[in-house]
Amino acid sequence: MKRTFVQILQVLLGVVIGILLTLLAVRYRESRHINSISRVDWGKLNLILDIVEKNYVDTLDKEGMTEAAVSAALSKLDPHSVYLPPVQLSASEEELAGNFEGIGIQFNVPNDTAIVLEVIPGGPSEKVGLMVGDRLLKVDDKVIAGVKFPQDSMVRRMKGPSGTKVTVTVGRGGEEIPFEITRGKIPVHSVDASFMIRDSVGYLRLAKFSRTTFKECHEATLALMEQGMTHLVFDIRDNTGGYMDQALLLANDFLSPGDTIVYIEGRHRSREVFKADGRGAFQSMGLTVLISENSASASEIFAGAVQDNDRGTVVGRRSFGKGLVQEPFLFTDNSGIRLTVARYYTPSGRCIQKPYASYSRDIYNRYMDGEVFSADSVRLDTTDVHRTRGGRLVYGGGGIMPDVFVPMDTTRASNFFIACNRKATQMRYASHIFDRYTARLSAIESYPEMDSFLSSLNMKVDFPDYARKMDGIPCTEAEWDRTQSYLLPQLRALIARYSKLGENAFYKYYLPVDYTVEKALELL
């Protein structure tokens, strides 16, 4: 009896111990599961990487995994918060810094061979004798002409640290000439062109907001004033932005004391208001600002400040719609992130940031919806209404809507014109003219000389013949009649660019058929 009782007790004790062990095991498993997913402060990511490191079957590429993880994480934020590996960060900063290290030329590639358009004065290439119109054949021993060599790869091969050498072989007048060039610091200008359109009206085209933008614009505007300018047409179409401080300085030059330029605010950034200090040099100058669907960021800060303060007239088409402020965070491996830290608001209180969901197809949709052709097709957020200083209605939520809308002009685009554009026939014809008249064109230093030279060319006959022979593009008499008033100024501009007059000449000859500039001048 006693033995039976002991056996029963042992069985019961075993059952109890088993139950306790099971409960402990379940609790342990639950504890592990709960602890692994309740770490909301990035613990799950760290845990997963730790598990992978300790258990994965093959060798890990930790650097690649880290960069992929960072990029994936930032992709869940807004479209402008991005990770930049060392090479991309360096290229991005260089583009806006106002200078880079290289050989100092600008070129285009009209027909699978790069042609020098500009040799930057004082730069390494000018010092060794490179000339406008030279064909770039080789960089060191690498053939880059006639082999569909990528344009960005050409640039990378020619750029490099100051003091290093590169041999560039060019084609000139039937000869192949090698030049050994010592790379150096090259200034990069943000002002594409500045000149007088009329007796009292100046034109300035700004390509980007770089570190030197304010200085360049200020000096260019002063130079135009010395030529009698009392009204400036300021062209920031297709200007995608850049440094915010340069937009503030530029707006300050035109606004009155105490005028709000912009204010910024974010979850971790208290509101900061930027106002004009009253020391601007151009406060009383007439001002027209040109914008397009590709004008973004700093361009929109400037245009918004002008519009909301009723300081000038904004002309063109609705701007891009980027109302976010990015701040750089740099790492010791020379990589970095650009993180959106605040939104910016125009003086009337508008945030012109468009919805993130529309980024990928927004510009395309503007074409398909007819917005670029008609102001009536523009979709404004009528629930986000604000007023300018003078009481005019303006809207937030999707870019700067201009005071005067100018539709895209397609009425002069004949089939012949479209076919030529597709094959870059105009650019190659300009290079063909330069080859025929190199000495004469290179010697031109004034617009009267250029006018005389261009008038001597029989382009009305010569260009259609060139297009037919070289590109197989026929042109009927009716098509030429429809196209020539639009096409000939483009050809003159492309040819004039090969002279010492450079980019100023290009815009000076092209603007007469620029519908937006034409409208801006009509308003005056």
Protein backbone atom coordinates (compact mmCIF):
# COMPACT_ATOMS: atom_id res chain seq x y z
CA MET A 1 0.00 0.00 0.00
CA LYS A 2 2.78 2.34 0.97
CA ARG A 3 4.64 1.48 -2.26
CA THR A 4 1.53 2.18 -4.35
CA PHE A 5 1.08 5.58 -2.70
CA VAL A 6 4.70 6.53 -3.48
CA GLN A 7 4.25 5.47 -7.11
CA ILE A 8 1.09 7.57 -7.42
CA LEU A 9 2.88 10.52 -5.83
CA GLN A 10 5.78 10.17 -8.28
CA VAL A 11 3.36 10.11 -11.22
CA LEU A 12 1.51 13.19 -9.98
CA LEU A 13 4.79 15.00 -9.36
CA GLY A 14 5.95 14.10 -12.87
CA VAL A 15 2.71 15.45 -14.36
CA VAL A 16 3.03 18.70 -12.40
CA ILE A 17 6.66 19.13 -13.39
CA GLY A 18 5.74 18.41 -17.02
CA ILE A 19 2.99 21.00 -16.95
CA LEU A 20 5.31 23.53 -15.37
CA LEU A 21 8.02 22.86 -17.97
CA THR A 22 5.48 23.18 -20.80
CA LEU A 23 4.21 26.46 -19.41
CA LEU A 24 7.74 27.75 -19.03
CA ALA A 25 8.58 26.71 -22.60
CA VAL A 26 5.46 28.40 -23.97
CA ARG A 27 6.16 31.50 -21.89
CA TYR A 28 9.76 31.46 -23.13
CA ARG A 29 8.69 31.18 -26.76
CA GLU A 30 6.09 33.91 -26.31
CA SER A 31 8.63 36.05 -24.52
CA ARG A 32 11.11 35.67 -27.37
CA HIS A 33 8.42 36.46 -29.94
CA ILE A 34 7.06 39.46 -28.05
CA ASN A 35 10.50 40.88 -27.34
CA SER A 36 11.56 40.51 -30.95
CA ILE A 37 8.67 42.51 -32.41
CA SER A 38 7.91 45.02 -29.69
CA ARG A 39 11.14 46.97 -30.13
CA VAL A 40 9.69 49.87 -32.03
CA ASP A 41 12.95 51.88 -32.01
CA TRP A 42 14.56 50.07 -34.95
CA GLY A 43 15.13 46.93 -32.81
CA LYS A 44 13.50 44.60 -35.31
CA LEU A 45 15.84 45.70 -38.10
CA ASN A 46 18.88 45.23 -35.86
CA LEU A 47 17.59 41.83 -34.72
CA ILE A 48 17.05 40.61 -38.28
CA LEU A 49 20.52 41.71 -39.39
CA ASP A 50 22.02 40.02 -36.33
CA ILE A 51 20.18 36.77 -37.12
CA VAL A 52 21.32 36.93 -40.73
CA GLU A 53 24.92 37.54 -39.71
CA LYS A 54 24.95 34.58 -37.31
CA ASN A 55 22.97 32.11 -39.40
CA TYR A 56 23.23 32.85 -43.16
CA VAL A 57 24.72 30.07 -45.27
CA ASP A 58 27.16 32.19 -47.34
CA THR A 59 29.51 35.13 -46.84
CA LEU A 60 27.69 38.43 -46.44
CA ASP A 61 28.21 41.67 -48.35
CA LYS A 62 27.60 43.86 -45.32
CA GLU A 63 28.27 47.13 -47.15
CA GLY A 64 25.85 46.29 -49.95
CA MET A 65 23.18 45.11 -47.50
CA THR A 66 23.54 48.26 -45.42
CA GLU A 67 23.18 50.57 -48.42
CA ALA A 68 20.22 48.57 -49.74
CA ALA A 69 18.54 48.71 -46.33
CA VAL A 70 19.07 52.46 -46.00
CA SER A 71 17.75 53.13 -49.51
CA ALA A 72 14.72 50.91 -48.90
CA ALA A 73 13.95 52.62 -45.59
CA LEU A 74 14.18 56.13 -47.05
CA SER A 75 11.98 55.11 -49.99
CA LYS A 76 9.10 54.90 -47.50
CA LEU A 77 9.42 58.65 -46.88
CA ASP A 78 8.86 61.46 -49.40
CA PRO A 79 10.43 61.35 -52.91
CA HIS A 80 13.15 63.86 -51.96
CA SER A 81 14.58 62.06 -48.91
CA VAL A 82 17.37 59.98 -50.45
CA TYR A 83 20.59 58.16 -49.66
CA LEU A 84 23.61 59.20 -51.72
CA PRO A 85 26.61 56.83 -51.96
CA PRO A 86 30.02 58.57 -52.09
CA VAL A 87 30.19 58.89 -55.89
CA GLN A 88 26.65 60.28 -56.21
CA LEU A 89 27.10 62.64 -53.28
CA SER A 90 30.32 64.04 -54.74
CA ALA A 91 28.72 64.55 -58.17
CA SER A 92 25.62 66.15 -56.63
CA GLU A 93 27.61 68.58 -54.50
CA GLU A 94 29.94 69.40 -57.38
CA GLU A 95 27.02 70.31 -59.64
CA LEU A 96 25.84 73.01 -57.23
CA ALA A 97 29.17 74.12 -55.78
CA GLY A 98 29.94 76.59 -58.56
CA ASN A 99 33.13 74.84 -59.68
CA PHE A 100 34.49 71.41 -60.48
CA GLU A 101 37.79 69.84 -61.43
CA GLY A 102 38.30 68.96 -65.07
CA ILE A 103 39.52 70.30 -68.41
CA GLY A 104 37.07 73.19 -68.95
CA ILE A 105 34.96 72.55 -72.04
CA GLN A 106 31.29 72.23 -72.90
CA PHE A 107 30.20 69.93 -75.71
CA ASN A 108 27.23 68.23 -77.30
CA VAL A 109 26.91 65.01 -79.29
CA PRO A 110 24.76 65.66 -82.38
CA ASN A 111 25.87 62.64 -84.41
CA ASP A 112 27.75 60.10 -82.27
CA THR A 113 30.75 62.42 -82.05
CA ALA A 114 31.16 65.07 -79.34
CA ILE A 115 31.74 68.61 -80.63
CA VAL A 116 33.22 71.33 -78.43
CA LEU A 117 30.72 74.18 -78.00
CA GLU A 118 32.67 76.28 -75.51
CA VAL A 119 36.21 76.43 -74.22
CA ILE A 120 35.99 78.09 -70.80
CA PRO A 121 38.22 81.19 -70.72
CA GLY A 122 41.28 80.70 -68.55
CA GLY A 123 40.61 76.97 -68.19
CA PRO A 124 43.06 74.12 -68.86
CA SER A 125 41.76 73.40 -72.37
CA GLU A 126 42.08 77.00 -73.52
CA LYS A 127 45.67 77.09 -72.25
CA VAL A 128 46.71 74.17 -74.45
CA GLY A 129 44.77 75.32 -77.53
CA LEU A 130 41.48 73.41 -77.77
CA MET A 131 38.98 75.27 -79.95
CA VAL A 132 35.24 75.50 -80.45
CA GLY A 133 34.24 72.98 -83.13
CA ASP A 134 36.92 70.41 -82.28
CA ARG A 135 35.66 66.82 -82.48
CA LEU A 136 36.53 64.71 -79.43
CA LEU A 137 37.95 61.44 -80.75
CA LYS A 138 39.82 59.85 -77.82
CA VAL A 139 40.36 60.33 -74.10
CA ASP A 140 43.78 58.84 -73.32
CA ASP A 141 43.64 55.57 -75.30
CA LYS A 142 39.86 55.18 -75.24
CA VAL A 143 38.05 55.86 -78.53
CA ILE A 144 34.87 57.85 -77.81
CA ALA A 145 33.81 58.93 -81.34
CA GLY A 146 31.57 56.89 -83.63
CA VAL A 147 31.08 54.08 -81.11
CA LYS A 148 27.93 55.31 -79.31
CA PHE A 149 29.99 56.08 -76.23
CA PRO A 150 27.74 57.32 -73.37
CA GLN A 151 27.96 61.07 -72.84
CA ASP A 152 28.15 60.79 -69.04
CA SER A 153 31.07 58.35 -69.41
CA MET A 154 32.90 60.90 -71.57
CA VAL A 155 32.49 63.47 -68.83
CA ARG A 156 33.78 61.09 -66.14
CA ARG A 157 36.88 60.27 -68.18
CA MET A 158 37.75 63.95 -68.72
CA LYS A 159 37.05 65.09 -65.17
CA GLY A 160 39.49 64.41 -62.38
CA PRO A 161 41.51 65.94 -59.55
CA SER A 162 43.40 69.19 -60.17
CA GLY A 163 46.99 68.58 -61.21
CA THR A 164 46.38 65.24 -62.89
CA LYS A 165 46.87 64.88 -66.63
CA VAL A 166 44.70 63.54 -69.43
CA THR A 167 45.35 63.31 -73.17
CA VAL A 168 42.43 64.35 -75.37
CA THR A 169 42.72 63.68 -79.11
CA VAL A 170 40.57 65.92 -81.29
CA GLY A 171 39.68 66.03 -84.96
CA ARG A 172 40.30 69.42 -86.57
CA GLY A 173 40.32 70.19 -90.28
CA GLY A 174 41.03 66.59 -91.29
CA GLU A 175 43.82 66.14 -88.73
CA GLU A 176 43.93 64.22 -85.46
CA ILE A 177 45.65 66.31 -82.79
CA PRO A 178 46.47 65.03 -79.28
CA PHE A 179 46.47 67.55 -76.40
CA GLU A 180 47.94 66.74 -73.00
CA ILE A 181 45.83 68.71 -70.54
CA THR A 182 46.52 69.28 -66.84
CA ARG A 183 43.17 69.31 -65.06
CA GLY A 184 42.26 72.25 -62.85
CA LYS A 185 39.43 74.02 -61.01
CA ILE A 186 36.71 75.05 -63.47
CA PRO A 187 34.07 77.66 -62.62
CA VAL A 188 30.50 76.57 -63.32
CA HIS A 189 28.07 79.38 -64.11
CA SER A 190 24.40 79.29 -63.18
CA VAL A 191 23.46 82.25 -65.42
CA ASP A 192 23.05 80.91 -68.95
CA ALA A 193 22.49 84.27 -70.64
CA SER A 194 21.94 87.98 -69.94
CA PHE A 195 21.42 90.70 -72.54
CA MET A 196 19.08 93.52 -73.59
CA ILE A 197 15.95 92.50 -75.51
CA ARG A 198 14.73 96.06 -76.02
CA ASP A 199 16.07 99.50 -75.22
CA SER A 200 14.97 99.35 -71.59
CA VAL A 201 14.18 95.63 -71.15
CA GLY A 202 16.78 93.09 -70.12
CA TYR A 203 16.68 89.30 -70.15
CA LEU A 204 18.40 86.96 -67.69
CA ARG A 205 18.16 83.17 -67.80
CA LEU A 206 19.08 81.24 -64.65
CA ALA A 207 19.80 77.50 -64.99
CA LYS A 208 20.09 76.50 -61.32
CA PHE A 209 20.57 77.83 -57.79
CA SER A 210 24.23 77.06 -57.13
CA ARG A 211 26.63 78.52 -54.56
CA THR A 212 27.44 81.40 -56.92
CA THR A 213 23.90 82.21 -58.12
CA PHE A 214 23.26 85.38 -56.14
CA LYS A 215 26.64 86.88 -57.03
CA GLU A 216 26.21 86.01 -60.73
CA CYS A 217 22.66 87.37 -60.95
CA HIS A 218 23.48 90.52 -59.01
CA GLU A 219 26.45 91.35 -61.22
CA ALA A 220 24.61 90.49 -64.45
CA THR A 221 21.65 92.68 -63.45
CA LEU A 222 23.92 95.60 -62.59
CA ALA A 223 25.60 95.25 -65.99
CA LEU A 224 22.21 95.36 -67.72
CA MET A 225 21.23 98.45 -65.73
CA GLU A 226 24.36 100.17 -67.04
CA GLN A 227 22.97 99.47 -70.52
CA GLY A 228 19.71 101.23 -69.66
CA MET A 229 17.56 98.40 -68.30
CA THR A 230 14.55 99.46 -66.22
CA HIS A 231 12.60 96.17 -66.52
CA LEU A 232 13.99 92.64 -66.16
CA VAL A 233 12.53 89.48 -67.69
CA PHE A 234 13.87 86.83 -65.29
CA ASP A 235 13.69 83.36 -66.83
CA ILE A 236 13.66 80.41 -64.41
CA ARG A 237 11.83 77.98 -66.66
CA ASP A 238 13.17 74.42 -66.26
CA ASN A 239 15.25 75.56 -63.26
CA THR A 240 14.94 72.63 -60.84
CA GLY A 241 16.29 74.56 -57.85
CA GLY A 242 19.29 74.11 -55.59
CA TYR A 243 20.45 76.02 -52.53
CA MET A 244 17.63 77.70 -50.61
CA ASP A 245 19.89 80.46 -49.23
CA GLN A 246 20.62 81.62 -52.78
CA ALA A 247 16.88 81.95 -53.47
CA LEU A 248 16.54 84.02 -50.28
CA LEU A 249 19.41 86.33 -51.23
CA LEU A 250 18.08 86.73 -54.75
CA ALA A 251 14.54 87.53 -53.60
CA ASN A 252 15.95 89.99 -51.06
CA ASP A 253 17.52 91.95 -53.91
CA PHE A 254 14.05 92.71 -55.34
CA LEU A 255 11.79 93.00 -52.28
CA SER A 256 11.04 95.91 -49.94
CA PRO A 257 12.03 96.07 -46.25
CA GLY A 258 10.01 93.65 -44.13
CA ASP A 259 8.51 91.72 -47.05
CA THR A 260 8.24 88.02 -46.21
CA ILE A 261 10.22 85.87 -48.61
CA VAL A 262 9.28 82.45 -47.23
CA TYR A 263 8.84 80.61 -43.95
CA ILE A 264 9.65 77.02 -43.06
CA GLU A 265 8.21 74.69 -40.44
CA GLY A 266 8.44 70.99 -39.59
CA ARG A 267 7.77 68.45 -36.87
CA HIS A 268 11.25 68.96 -35.40
CA ARG A 269 11.78 72.46 -36.83
CA SER A 270 10.01 75.41 -35.26
CA ARG A 271 8.67 78.06 -37.61
CA GLU A 272 11.38 80.28 -39.09
CA VAL A 273 10.37 83.35 -41.12
CA PHE A 274 12.71 84.95 -43.65
CA LYS A 275 12.11 88.61 -44.49
CA ALA A 276 13.74 91.13 -46.82
CA ASP A 277 16.22 93.37 -45.04
CA GLY A 278 15.66 96.41 -47.27
CA ARG A 279 19.18 96.44 -48.68
CA GLY A 280 18.26 94.96 -52.06
CA ALA A 281 19.70 96.79 -55.04
CA PHE A 282 16.72 96.30 -57.38
CA GLN A 283 13.68 97.12 -55.25
CA SER A 284 12.21 99.57 -57.77
CA MET A 285 13.01 97.69 -60.97
CA GLY A 286 10.20 96.34 -63.15
CA LEU A 287 10.13 92.53 -62.93
CA THR A 288 8.60 89.67 -64.91
CA VAL A 289 9.32 86.08 -63.86
CA LEU A 290 8.98 83.19 -66.34
CA ILE A 291 8.18 79.71 -64.99
CA SER A 292 7.28 76.31 -66.44
CA GLU A 293 6.16 72.88 -65.28
CA ASN A 294 9.83 72.04 -64.62
CA SER A 295 10.54 75.04 -62.37
CA ALA A 296 10.93 73.60 -58.89
CA SER A 297 12.06 74.12 -55.31
CA ALA A 298 14.22 77.26 -54.98
CA SER A 299 12.70 78.55 -58.24
CA GLU A 300 9.27 78.29 -56.66
CA ILE A 301 10.44 80.09 -53.52
CA PHE A 302 11.56 83.03 -55.67
CA ALA A 303 8.45 83.03 -57.87
CA GLY A 304 6.15 82.66 -54.85
CA ALA A 305 7.79 85.58 -53.06
CA VAL A 306 7.40 87.79 -56.13
CA GLN A 307 3.78 86.76 -56.66
CA ASP A 308 2.54 86.90 -53.06
CA ASN A 309 4.10 90.31 -52.45
CA ASP A 310 2.65 91.59 -55.77
CA ARG A 311 6.19 92.56 -56.67
CA GLY A 312 6.07 91.51 -60.31
CA THR A 313 4.19 89.42 -62.87
CA VAL A 314 4.67 85.65 -63.06
CA VAL A 315 4.20 84.35 -66.61
CA GLY A 316 4.18 80.81 -68.03
CA ARG A 317 2.71 77.50 -66.86
CA ARG A 318 2.09 75.97 -63.43
CA SER A 319 5.37 75.09 -61.72
CA PHE A 320 6.45 71.65 -60.53
CA GLY A 321 5.14 71.73 -56.94
CA LYS A 322 8.02 71.00 -54.53
CA GLY A 323 7.47 72.66 -51.17
CA LEU A 324 9.90 70.64 -49.05
CA VAL A 325 13.20 71.57 -47.41
CA GLN A 326 16.06 69.03 -47.43
CA GLU A 327 18.97 69.01 -45.00
CA PRO A 328 22.18 67.05 -45.68
CA PHE A 329 23.58 64.57 -43.15
CA LEU A 330 27.09 63.43 -44.07
CA PHE A 331 28.92 60.28 -42.95
CA THR A 332 32.61 59.51 -42.51
CA ASP A 333 32.67 57.20 -45.56
CA ASN A 334 31.79 60.24 -47.75
CA SER A 335 28.23 59.09 -48.24
CA GLY A 336 25.23 60.95 -46.91
CA ILE A 337 21.48 61.40 -46.89
CA ARG A 338 19.31 64.32 -47.88
CA LEU A 339 16.41 64.30 -45.49
CA THR A 340 13.25 66.38 -45.72
CA VAL A 341 13.09 68.27 -42.40
CA ALA A 342 10.44 70.94 -43.07
CA ARG A 343 7.90 72.34 -45.47
CA TYR A 344 8.24 75.82 -46.84
CA TYR A 345 5.34 78.25 -47.19
CA THR A 346 5.07 81.26 -49.48
CA PRO A 347 4.34 84.67 -47.88
CA SER A 348 0.56 84.17 -48.18
CA GLY A 349 0.81 80.85 -46.31
CA ARG A 350 0.73 78.48 -49.27
CA CYS A 351 2.48 75.13 -49.19
CA ILE A 352 2.79 74.40 -52.88
CA GLN A 353 3.90 70.75 -52.40
CA LYS A 354 1.97 68.42 -54.68
CA PRO A 355 0.81 64.95 -53.53
CA TYR A 356 3.59 62.35 -53.48
CA ALA A 357 1.39 59.84 -55.29
CA SER A 358 1.33 62.01 -58.41
CA TYR A 359 5.11 62.32 -58.80
CA SER A 360 5.75 59.53 -61.27
CA ARG A 361 3.22 60.64 -63.88
CA ASP A 362 2.36 64.23 -62.97
CA ILE A 363 4.07 66.02 -65.86
CA TYR A 364 2.84 63.37 -68.32
CA ASN A 365 -0.69 63.77 -66.97
CA ARG A 366 -0.51 67.53 -67.46
CA TYR A 367 0.10 66.90 -71.17
CA MET A 368 -2.58 64.24 -71.46
CA ASP A 369 -5.14 66.32 -69.54
CA GLY A 370 -4.46 69.31 -71.77
CA GLU A 371 -3.21 71.53 -68.94
CA VAL A 372 -0.13 72.71 -70.84
CA PHE A 373 -2.38 73.83 -73.70
CA SER A 374 -5.25 75.50 -71.83
CA ALA A 375 -5.60 77.32 -68.52
CA ASP A 376 -9.15 75.95 -68.22
CA SER A 377 -7.68 72.45 -67.85
CA VAL A 378 -5.51 73.35 -64.85
CA ARG A 379 -6.66 71.53 -61.71
CA LEU A 380 -6.37 73.91 -58.75
CA ASP A 381 -7.06 72.96 -55.15
CA THR A 382 -9.92 75.37 -54.52
CA THR A 383 -10.08 74.27 -50.89
CA ASP A 384 -6.62 75.72 -50.22
CA VAL A 385 -7.18 79.41 -50.97
CA HIS A 386 -4.88 82.29 -50.03
CA ARG A 387 -4.52 85.95 -50.97
CA THR A 388 -1.59 88.02 -52.12
CA ARG A 389 -0.73 91.30 -50.45
CA GLY A 390 -2.99 93.06 -52.96
CA GLY A 391 -5.88 90.65 -52.33
CA ARG A 392 -5.59 88.44 -55.40
CA LEU A 393 -6.55 84.77 -54.98
CA VAL A 394 -3.76 82.18 -55.11
CA TYR A 395 -3.91 78.46 -54.38
CA GLY A 396 -1.75 75.92 -52.57
CA GLY A 397 -1.28 72.20 -53.00
CA GLY A 398 0.42 71.89 -56.36
CA GLY A 399 2.92 74.46 -57.61
CA ILE A 400 2.81 78.15 -58.45
CA MET A 401 0.04 79.04 -60.88
CA PRO A 402 1.30 82.00 -62.95
CA ASP A 403 -0.53 85.33 -63.08
CA VAL A 404 -0.55 85.03 -66.86
CA PHE A 405 -0.87 81.55 -68.35
CA VAL A 406 0.96 80.85 -71.62
CA PRO A 407 0.05 77.60 -73.39
CA MET A 408 2.60 75.41 -75.11
CA ASP A 409 2.68 76.33 -78.79
CA THR A 410 2.40 73.37 -81.15
CA THR A 411 0.79 75.16 -84.09
CA ARG A 412 4.10 75.48 -85.96
CA ALA A 413 5.22 71.88 -85.47
CA SER A 414 4.86 70.35 -88.94
CA ASN A 415 5.74 66.72 -89.67
CA PHE A 416 9.00 67.96 -91.19
CA PHE A 417 9.89 69.88 -88.02
CA ILE A 418 9.05 66.92 -85.77
CA ALA A 419 11.13 64.53 -87.91
CA CYS A 420 14.11 66.90 -87.80
CA ASN A 421 13.83 67.21 -84.03
CA ARG A 422 13.77 63.44 -83.67
CA LYS A 423 17.05 63.08 -85.58
CA ALA A 424 18.69 66.31 -84.25
CA THR A 425 19.05 67.48 -87.84
CA GLN A 426 19.22 71.14 -86.80
CA MET A 427 22.19 70.54 -84.50
CA ARG A 428 24.11 68.58 -87.09
CA TYR A 429 23.38 71.21 -89.74
CA ALA A 430 24.82 73.89 -87.43
CA SER A 431 27.96 71.79 -87.01
CA HIS A 432 28.09 71.34 -90.80
CA ILE A 433 27.96 75.14 -91.28
CA PHE A 434 30.75 75.57 -88.72
CA ASP A 435 32.91 73.11 -90.65
CA ARG A 436 32.35 75.05 -93.87
CA TYR A 437 32.96 78.50 -92.38
CA THR A 438 35.19 77.83 -89.36
CA ALA A 439 37.56 80.75 -89.77
CA ARG A 440 34.84 83.29 -90.56
CA LEU A 441 32.47 82.17 -87.81
CA SER A 442 35.23 81.98 -85.17
CA ALA A 443 36.25 85.57 -85.89
CA ILE A 444 32.78 87.08 -85.27
CA GLU A 445 32.64 89.17 -82.09
CA SER A 446 29.52 91.34 -82.53
CA TYR A 447 25.86 90.88 -83.42
CA PRO A 448 25.98 93.07 -86.54
CA GLU A 449 28.74 90.80 -87.85
CA MET A 450 26.71 87.74 -86.96
CA ASP A 451 23.59 89.15 -88.61
CA SER A 452 25.58 89.76 -91.78
CA PHE A 453 27.02 86.24 -91.76
CA LEU A 454 23.67 84.53 -91.13
CA SER A 455 22.02 86.59 -93.88
CA SER A 456 24.65 85.35 -96.32
CA LEU A 457 23.56 81.74 -95.78
CA ASN A 458 20.78 80.51 -98.04
CA MET A 459 19.22 78.34 -95.31
CA LYS A 460 15.75 78.37 -96.89
CA VAL A 461 17.13 76.20 -99.67
CA ASP A 462 20.18 74.68 -97.99
CA PHE A 463 18.56 73.21 -94.88
CA PRO A 464 15.69 71.28 -96.54
CA ASP A 465 18.23 69.92 -99.01
CA TYR A 466 20.54 68.89 -96.14
CA ALA A 467 17.66 67.20 -94.27
CA ARG A 468 16.67 65.23 -97.38
CA LYS A 469 20.21 64.11 -98.27
CA MET A 470 21.60 63.42 -94.80
CA ASP A 471 18.55 62.17 -92.89
CA GLY A 472 16.10 61.17 -95.60
CA ILE A 473 13.53 63.72 -94.42
CA PRO A 474 11.50 65.17 -97.32
CA CYS A 475 9.88 68.59 -97.05
CA THR A 476 6.96 69.77 -99.10
CA GLU A 477 6.58 73.42 -100.00
CA ALA A 478 3.51 73.67 -97.76
CA GLU A 479 5.41 72.20 -94.80
CA TRP A 480 8.30 74.59 -95.30
CA ASP A 481 5.96 77.58 -95.47
CA ARG A 482 4.41 76.48 -92.19
CA THR A 483 7.73 75.70 -90.49
CA GLN A 484 10.31 78.22 -91.64
CA SER A 485 9.27 81.12 -89.40
CA TYR A 486 9.86 78.85 -86.41
CA LEU A 487 12.76 76.76 -87.71
CA LEU A 488 15.05 79.45 -89.15
CA PRO A 489 15.53 81.33 -85.84
CA GLN A 490 16.42 77.99 -84.24
CA LEU A 491 19.05 77.35 -86.92
CA ARG A 492 20.46 80.87 -86.52
CA ALA A 493 20.69 80.34 -82.75
CA LEU A 494 22.48 77.00 -83.09
CA ILE A 495 24.97 78.38 -85.60
CA ALA A 496 25.63 81.58 -83.64
CA ARG A 497 26.48 79.50 -80.57
CA TYR A 498 29.70 78.40 -82.34
CA SER A 499 31.01 81.96 -82.28
CA LYS A 500 32.65 83.84 -79.42
CA LEU A 501 29.20 85.21 -78.59
CA GLY A 502 28.31 81.78 -77.15
CA GLU A 503 25.13 81.10 -75.17
CA ASN A 504 24.05 84.75 -75.23
CA ALA A 505 23.87 84.50 -79.01
CA PHE A 506 21.86 81.29 -78.85
CA TYR A 507 19.14 82.85 -76.70
CA LYS A 508 19.22 86.20 -78.47
CA TYR A 509 18.42 84.60 -81.82
CA TYR A 510 16.00 82.03 -80.42
CA LEU A 511 13.84 84.26 -78.20
CA PRO A 512 11.93 85.92 -81.07
CA VAL A 513 10.06 82.61 -81.52
CA ASP A 514 9.77 81.90 -77.79
CA TYR A 515 6.03 82.25 -77.19
CA THR A 516 6.36 82.83 -73.43
CA VAL A 517 8.91 85.63 -73.85
CA GLU A 518 6.76 87.11 -76.60
CA LYS A 519 3.78 87.18 -74.21
CA ALA A 520 5.88 88.71 -71.42
CA LEU A 521 6.97 91.52 -73.72
CA GLU A 522 3.38 92.11 -74.85
CA LEU A 523 2.38 92.69 -71.23
CA LEU A 524 4.87 95.53 -70.97
